[in-house]
Amino acid sequence: MALGSKFKVEPMFSMSSMTDIIFLLLIFFMLTSNFVTPSGLKVDLPSSESTVVEMQKISVTITKDLNYYVNNRPVSRANLRSELRAALKDGMGVVAIHIDKTVATEHLVFVAGIANALEAKVSVVAEPE
């Protein structure tokens, strides 16, 4: 009497369905992650009820000690216009201003005025409430 089965079971496991699931999860997490590039400098940003995510090319940071940075490089207030002009040489862009919430508004207006004179869009970075 033969107790063996007519059908042979393959001992190999197919990984194709597992890789499909992994790729779907990878795509899902890539699409739902934040595409905001955080500033490398420590700035206490103000909060806002509504925030819009903008792709930034040029970042201007003003710290509470009134130090100016363009794309995380220290710049003096006198050289800010020339640095922004050099950064905007490709054409119109978005200047994202990271300003500490304790800094007076006149510094924000100063940087925004330079960016507007160079025909760039100005975006003030804030944290959501």
N, C-alpha and C. Protein backbone atom coordinates (compact mmCIF):
# COMPACT_ATOMS: atom_id res chain seq x y z
N MET A 1 0.84 -1.15 0.00
CA MET A 1 0.00 0.00 0.00
C MET A 1 0.90 1.23 0.00
N ALA A 2 0.66 2.12 -0.95
CA ALA A 2 1.46 3.34 -1.11
C ALA A 2 0.71 4.52 -0.48
N LEU A 3 1.27 5.10 0.56
CA LEU A 3 0.63 6.22 1.22
C LEU A 3 1.12 7.57 0.67
N GLY A 4 1.89 7.59 -0.34
CA GLY A 4 2.42 8.82 -0.91
C GLY A 4 1.35 9.58 -1.68
N SER A 5 1.55 10.85 -1.82
CA SER A 5 0.61 11.71 -2.53
C SER A 5 0.98 11.78 -3.99
N LYS A 6 -0.03 12.01 -4.84
CA LYS A 6 0.22 12.13 -6.27
C LYS A 6 0.90 13.46 -6.59
N PHE A 7 0.63 14.46 -5.73
CA PHE A 7 1.15 15.80 -6.01
C PHE A 7 2.37 16.07 -5.14
N LYS A 8 3.39 16.55 -5.77
CA LYS A 8 4.60 16.88 -5.03
C LYS A 8 4.55 18.35 -4.63
N VAL A 9 4.87 18.66 -3.41
CA VAL A 9 4.91 20.03 -2.91
C VAL A 9 6.34 20.55 -3.07
N GLU A 10 6.44 21.73 -3.72
CA GLU A 10 7.76 22.32 -3.90
C GLU A 10 8.21 22.96 -2.58
N PRO A 11 9.39 22.68 -2.11
CA PRO A 11 9.84 23.26 -0.84
C PRO A 11 10.33 24.71 -0.98
N MET A 12 10.35 25.26 -2.21
CA MET A 12 10.84 26.64 -2.41
C MET A 12 9.69 27.63 -2.22
N PHE A 13 10.03 28.79 -1.66
CA PHE A 13 9.06 29.84 -1.38
C PHE A 13 9.26 30.95 -2.41
N SER A 14 8.18 31.43 -2.99
CA SER A 14 8.27 32.49 -3.97
C SER A 14 8.25 33.85 -3.27
N MET A 15 9.26 34.66 -3.53
CA MET A 15 9.38 35.96 -2.89
C MET A 15 8.75 37.08 -3.72
N SER A 16 8.18 36.79 -4.86
CA SER A 16 7.66 37.86 -5.72
C SER A 16 6.51 38.63 -5.08
N SER A 17 5.63 37.96 -4.39
CA SER A 17 4.53 38.68 -3.75
C SER A 17 5.03 39.51 -2.58
N MET A 18 6.05 39.04 -1.89
CA MET A 18 6.62 39.78 -0.77
C MET A 18 7.31 41.06 -1.28
N THR A 19 8.03 40.97 -2.38
CA THR A 19 8.69 42.17 -2.91
C THR A 19 7.68 43.17 -3.44
N ASP A 20 6.55 42.73 -3.97
CA ASP A 20 5.50 43.65 -4.40
C ASP A 20 4.97 44.46 -3.22
N ILE A 21 4.76 43.79 -2.11
CA ILE A 21 4.26 44.47 -0.92
C ILE A 21 5.29 45.46 -0.40
N ILE A 22 6.55 45.08 -0.40
CA ILE A 22 7.61 45.97 0.07
C ILE A 22 7.69 47.21 -0.82
N PHE A 23 7.61 47.06 -2.13
CA PHE A 23 7.67 48.21 -3.03
C PHE A 23 6.44 49.11 -2.86
N LEU A 24 5.28 48.55 -2.64
CA LEU A 24 4.09 49.36 -2.41
C LEU A 24 4.21 50.15 -1.11
N LEU A 25 4.74 49.53 -0.06
CA LEU A 25 4.95 50.24 1.19
C LEU A 25 6.00 51.35 1.03
N LEU A 26 7.04 51.07 0.29
CA LEU A 26 8.06 52.07 0.05
C LEU A 26 7.49 53.27 -0.69
N ILE A 27 6.71 53.05 -1.71
CA ILE A 27 6.08 54.13 -2.46
C ILE A 27 5.12 54.91 -1.57
N PHE A 28 4.34 54.22 -0.76
CA PHE A 28 3.40 54.88 0.14
C PHE A 28 4.13 55.82 1.10
N PHE A 29 5.19 55.34 1.74
CA PHE A 29 5.90 56.17 2.71
C PHE A 29 6.65 57.31 2.04
N MET A 30 7.12 57.10 0.83
CA MET A 30 7.78 58.19 0.13
C MET A 30 6.79 59.30 -0.23
N LEU A 31 5.59 58.94 -0.61
CA LEU A 31 4.61 59.93 -1.00
C LEU A 31 3.98 60.66 0.19
N THR A 32 3.93 60.02 1.33
CA THR A 32 3.29 60.65 2.48
C THR A 32 4.28 61.35 3.40
N SER A 33 5.57 61.26 3.13
CA SER A 33 6.54 61.95 3.98
C SER A 33 6.58 63.43 3.64
N ASN A 34 7.12 64.22 4.54
CA ASN A 34 7.25 65.66 4.33
C ASN A 34 8.39 65.93 3.37
N PHE A 35 8.16 66.81 2.44
CA PHE A 35 9.20 67.18 1.49
C PHE A 35 9.83 68.52 1.88
N VAL A 36 9.75 68.90 3.13
CA VAL A 36 10.31 70.15 3.60
C VAL A 36 11.76 69.92 3.99
N THR A 37 12.61 70.80 3.49
CA THR A 37 14.00 70.73 3.87
C THR A 37 14.20 71.58 5.11
N PRO A 38 14.48 70.98 6.24
CA PRO A 38 14.61 71.79 7.45
C PRO A 38 15.90 72.60 7.42
N SER A 39 15.83 73.74 8.03
CA SER A 39 17.01 74.58 8.15
C SER A 39 17.96 73.94 9.15
N GLY A 40 19.24 74.02 8.87
CA GLY A 40 20.23 73.41 9.74
C GLY A 40 20.53 74.26 10.96
N LEU A 41 20.01 75.49 10.99
CA LEU A 41 20.29 76.38 12.11
C LEU A 41 19.13 76.34 13.10
N LYS A 42 19.45 76.52 14.37
CA LYS A 42 18.42 76.49 15.41
C LYS A 42 17.76 77.85 15.48
N VAL A 43 16.50 77.89 15.03
CA VAL A 43 15.71 79.12 15.06
C VAL A 43 14.36 78.76 15.65
N ASP A 44 13.90 79.57 16.61
CA ASP A 44 12.59 79.37 17.22
C ASP A 44 11.56 80.05 16.32
N LEU A 45 10.92 79.28 15.43
CA LEU A 45 10.00 79.83 14.45
C LEU A 45 8.67 80.20 15.08
N PRO A 46 8.01 81.21 14.53
CA PRO A 46 6.66 81.53 15.01
C PRO A 46 5.68 80.46 14.56
N SER A 47 4.50 80.43 15.17
CA SER A 47 3.50 79.43 14.78
C SER A 47 2.39 80.09 14.00
N SER A 48 1.71 79.29 13.18
CA SER A 48 0.64 79.80 12.33
C SER A 48 -0.46 78.76 12.27
N GLU A 49 -1.71 79.22 12.06
CA GLU A 49 -2.83 78.28 11.95
C GLU A 49 -2.76 77.46 10.68
N SER A 50 -2.37 78.11 9.60
CA SER A 50 -2.27 77.37 8.33
C SER A 50 -0.88 77.55 7.76
N THR A 51 -0.30 76.45 7.36
CA THR A 51 1.01 76.49 6.73
C THR A 51 0.92 75.77 5.40
N VAL A 52 1.67 76.27 4.44
CA VAL A 52 1.71 75.69 3.10
C VAL A 52 3.14 75.26 2.85
N VAL A 53 3.32 74.06 2.34
CA VAL A 53 4.64 73.54 2.05
C VAL A 53 5.07 74.06 0.69
N GLU A 54 6.21 74.75 0.66
CA GLU A 54 6.77 75.28 -0.58
C GLU A 54 8.15 74.70 -0.75
N MET A 55 8.48 74.40 -1.99
CA MET A 55 9.84 73.96 -2.27
C MET A 55 10.73 75.20 -2.25
N GLN A 56 11.75 75.17 -1.44
CA GLN A 56 12.60 76.34 -1.31
C GLN A 56 13.93 76.10 -2.01
N LYS A 57 14.37 77.10 -2.70
CA LYS A 57 15.68 77.04 -3.31
C LYS A 57 16.68 77.82 -2.49
N ILE A 58 16.21 78.96 -1.97
CA ILE A 58 17.09 79.84 -1.22
C ILE A 58 16.51 80.03 0.17
N SER A 59 17.33 79.84 1.16
CA SER A 59 16.91 79.97 2.54
C SER A 59 17.69 81.11 3.19
N VAL A 60 16.97 82.06 3.76
CA VAL A 60 17.59 83.14 4.53
C VAL A 60 17.17 82.95 5.98
N THR A 61 18.14 82.83 6.87
CA THR A 61 17.87 82.61 8.28
C THR A 61 18.37 83.80 9.08
N ILE A 62 17.51 84.28 9.97
CA ILE A 62 17.89 85.36 10.89
C ILE A 62 17.74 84.81 12.30
N THR A 63 18.84 84.72 13.02
CA THR A 63 18.82 84.18 14.38
C THR A 63 18.47 85.28 15.37
N LYS A 64 18.25 84.89 16.61
CA LYS A 64 17.90 85.88 17.63
C LYS A 64 19.05 86.82 17.95
N ASP A 65 20.28 86.43 17.59
CA ASP A 65 21.45 87.29 17.77
C ASP A 65 21.66 88.21 16.57
N LEU A 66 20.68 88.25 15.64
CA LEU A 66 20.71 89.05 14.42
C LEU A 66 21.86 88.68 13.50
N ASN A 67 22.15 87.39 13.43
CA ASN A 67 23.10 86.87 12.45
C ASN A 67 22.31 86.43 11.24
N TYR A 68 22.80 86.77 10.05
CA TYR A 68 22.13 86.43 8.79
C TYR A 68 22.87 85.27 8.14
N TYR A 69 22.08 84.34 7.58
CA TYR A 69 22.63 83.19 6.88
C TYR A 69 21.88 83.02 5.57
N VAL A 70 22.59 82.79 4.48
CA VAL A 70 21.98 82.47 3.20
C VAL A 70 22.39 81.04 2.88
N ASN A 71 21.41 80.15 2.81
CA ASN A 71 21.65 78.72 2.59
C ASN A 71 22.68 78.18 3.60
N ASN A 72 22.48 78.54 4.87
CA ASN A 72 23.29 78.09 6.01
C ASN A 72 24.73 78.58 5.99
N ARG A 73 25.03 79.60 5.17
CA ARG A 73 26.35 80.23 5.17
C ARG A 73 26.22 81.61 5.80
N PRO A 74 27.09 81.96 6.76
CA PRO A 74 26.97 83.27 7.40
C PRO A 74 27.25 84.40 6.41
N VAL A 75 26.43 85.45 6.50
CA VAL A 75 26.54 86.60 5.61
C VAL A 75 26.31 87.85 6.46
N SER A 76 27.04 88.91 6.16
CA SER A 76 26.80 90.16 6.88
C SER A 76 25.57 90.84 6.28
N ARG A 77 24.97 91.72 7.05
CA ARG A 77 23.77 92.43 6.58
C ARG A 77 24.09 93.27 5.35
N ALA A 78 25.29 93.84 5.28
CA ALA A 78 25.68 94.67 4.15
C ALA A 78 25.84 93.85 2.87
N ASN A 79 26.24 92.60 2.98
CA ASN A 79 26.47 91.75 1.80
C ASN A 79 25.27 90.89 1.44
N LEU A 80 24.15 91.08 2.14
CA LEU A 80 22.98 90.23 1.91
C LEU A 80 22.43 90.37 0.49
N ARG A 81 22.36 91.60 -0.03
CA ARG A 81 21.83 91.82 -1.38
C ARG A 81 22.67 91.09 -2.44
N SER A 82 24.00 91.20 -2.34
CA SER A 82 24.85 90.55 -3.35
C SER A 82 24.77 89.03 -3.24
N GLU A 83 24.66 88.51 -2.02
CA GLU A 83 24.54 87.05 -1.86
C GLU A 83 23.22 86.53 -2.43
N LEU A 84 22.13 87.27 -2.19
CA LEU A 84 20.84 86.85 -2.74
C LEU A 84 20.84 86.97 -4.26
N ARG A 85 21.46 88.02 -4.79
CA ARG A 85 21.54 88.16 -6.25
C ARG A 85 22.31 86.99 -6.86
N ALA A 86 23.39 86.58 -6.23
CA ALA A 86 24.17 85.45 -6.72
C ALA A 86 23.38 84.15 -6.63
N ALA A 87 22.60 84.00 -5.57
CA ALA A 87 21.81 82.78 -5.40
C ALA A 87 20.63 82.74 -6.37
N LEU A 88 20.14 83.92 -6.77
CA LEU A 88 19.00 84.00 -7.68
C LEU A 88 19.41 84.20 -9.13
N LYS A 89 20.65 83.93 -9.46
CA LYS A 89 21.13 84.19 -10.82
C LYS A 89 20.43 83.33 -11.87
N ASP A 90 19.85 82.21 -11.48
CA ASP A 90 19.16 81.34 -12.44
C ASP A 90 17.82 81.92 -12.88
N GLY A 91 17.34 82.92 -12.20
CA GLY A 91 16.04 83.50 -12.53
C GLY A 91 15.19 83.63 -11.29
N MET A 92 13.90 83.69 -11.50
CA MET A 92 12.99 83.86 -10.37
C MET A 92 13.01 82.62 -9.49
N GLY A 93 12.93 82.84 -8.21
CA GLY A 93 12.92 81.73 -7.27
C GLY A 93 12.11 82.09 -6.04
N VAL A 94 12.12 81.19 -5.09
CA VAL A 94 11.42 81.40 -3.83
C VAL A 94 12.46 81.57 -2.74
N VAL A 95 12.37 82.67 -2.03
CA VAL A 95 13.24 82.93 -0.90
C VAL A 95 12.45 82.61 0.37
N ALA A 96 12.86 81.58 1.08
CA ALA A 96 12.20 81.18 2.32
C ALA A 96 12.94 81.84 3.48
N ILE A 97 12.21 82.62 4.26
CA ILE A 97 12.81 83.35 5.37
C ILE A 97 12.51 82.61 6.67
N HIS A 98 13.56 82.13 7.31
CA HIS A 98 13.47 81.49 8.63
C HIS A 98 13.89 82.56 9.63
N ILE A 99 12.96 83.09 10.38
CA ILE A 99 13.26 84.17 11.31
C ILE A 99 12.82 83.78 12.71
N ASP A 100 13.67 84.05 13.68
CA ASP A 100 13.33 83.77 15.06
C ASP A 100 12.17 84.65 15.48
N LYS A 101 11.27 84.12 16.29
CA LYS A 101 10.07 84.87 16.64
C LYS A 101 10.34 86.04 17.57
N THR A 102 11.52 86.12 18.15
CA THR A 102 11.86 87.25 19.01
C THR A 102 12.50 88.40 18.25
N VAL A 103 12.81 88.21 16.98
CA VAL A 103 13.47 89.25 16.17
C VAL A 103 12.42 90.26 15.72
N ALA A 104 12.80 91.53 15.71
CA ALA A 104 11.89 92.61 15.31
C ALA A 104 11.49 92.46 13.85
N THR A 105 10.31 92.94 13.52
CA THR A 105 9.75 92.81 12.18
C THR A 105 10.56 93.57 11.14
N GLU A 106 11.30 94.59 11.54
CA GLU A 106 12.05 95.38 10.58
C GLU A 106 13.09 94.54 9.84
N HIS A 107 13.62 93.51 10.48
CA HIS A 107 14.61 92.64 9.83
C HIS A 107 13.94 91.76 8.78
N LEU A 108 12.73 91.31 9.07
CA LEU A 108 11.96 90.54 8.09
C LEU A 108 11.63 91.40 6.89
N VAL A 109 11.21 92.63 7.13
CA VAL A 109 10.86 93.54 6.03
C VAL A 109 12.10 93.88 5.21
N PHE A 110 13.25 94.01 5.86
CA PHE A 110 14.50 94.29 5.15
C PHE A 110 14.83 93.19 4.15
N VAL A 111 14.77 91.94 4.60
CA VAL A 111 15.09 90.81 3.73
C VAL A 111 14.02 90.65 2.64
N ALA A 112 12.75 90.80 3.01
CA ALA A 112 11.67 90.68 2.02
C ALA A 112 11.77 91.77 0.97
N GLY A 113 12.18 92.98 1.36
CA GLY A 113 12.35 94.06 0.40
C GLY A 113 13.45 93.77 -0.60
N ILE A 114 14.55 93.21 -0.13
CA ILE A 114 15.64 92.84 -1.05
C ILE A 114 15.18 91.75 -2.01
N ALA A 115 14.47 90.75 -1.49
CA ALA A 115 13.99 89.66 -2.35
C ALA A 115 12.99 90.17 -3.38
N ASN A 116 12.09 91.07 -2.98
CA ASN A 116 11.13 91.63 -3.93
C ASN A 116 11.83 92.47 -4.99
N ALA A 117 12.85 93.22 -4.60
CA ALA A 117 13.60 94.01 -5.57
C ALA A 117 14.31 93.12 -6.59
N LEU A 118 14.67 91.92 -6.18
CA LEU A 118 15.31 90.96 -7.09
C LEU A 118 14.30 90.08 -7.80
N GLU A 119 13.01 90.42 -7.69
CA GLU A 119 11.90 89.73 -8.35
C GLU A 119 11.78 88.27 -7.94
N ALA A 120 11.95 88.02 -6.66
CA ALA A 120 11.79 86.67 -6.12
C ALA A 120 10.53 86.63 -5.27
N LYS A 121 9.94 85.45 -5.18
CA LYS A 121 8.80 85.27 -4.29
C LYS A 121 9.33 85.11 -2.87
N VAL A 122 8.57 85.62 -1.92
CA VAL A 122 8.99 85.58 -0.52
C VAL A 122 8.04 84.67 0.25
N SER A 123 8.62 83.79 1.05
CA SER A 123 7.83 82.89 1.88
C SER A 123 8.42 82.93 3.30
N VAL A 124 7.54 83.19 4.27
CA VAL A 124 7.98 83.19 5.66
C VAL A 124 7.68 81.83 6.25
N VAL A 125 8.66 81.20 6.80
CA VAL A 125 8.53 79.84 7.34
C VAL A 125 7.99 79.92 8.76
N ALA A 126 6.97 79.10 9.03
CA ALA A 126 6.35 79.05 10.36
C ALA A 126 6.06 77.60 10.71
N GLU A 127 5.93 77.35 12.00
CA GLU A 127 5.56 76.02 12.47
C GLU A 127 4.05 75.93 12.60
N PRO A 128 3.44 74.79 12.28
CA PRO A 128 1.99 74.65 12.49
C PRO A 128 1.68 74.60 13.98
N GLU A 129 0.50 75.13 14.33
CA GLU A 129 0.11 75.13 15.75
C GLU A 129 -0.26 73.75 16.22
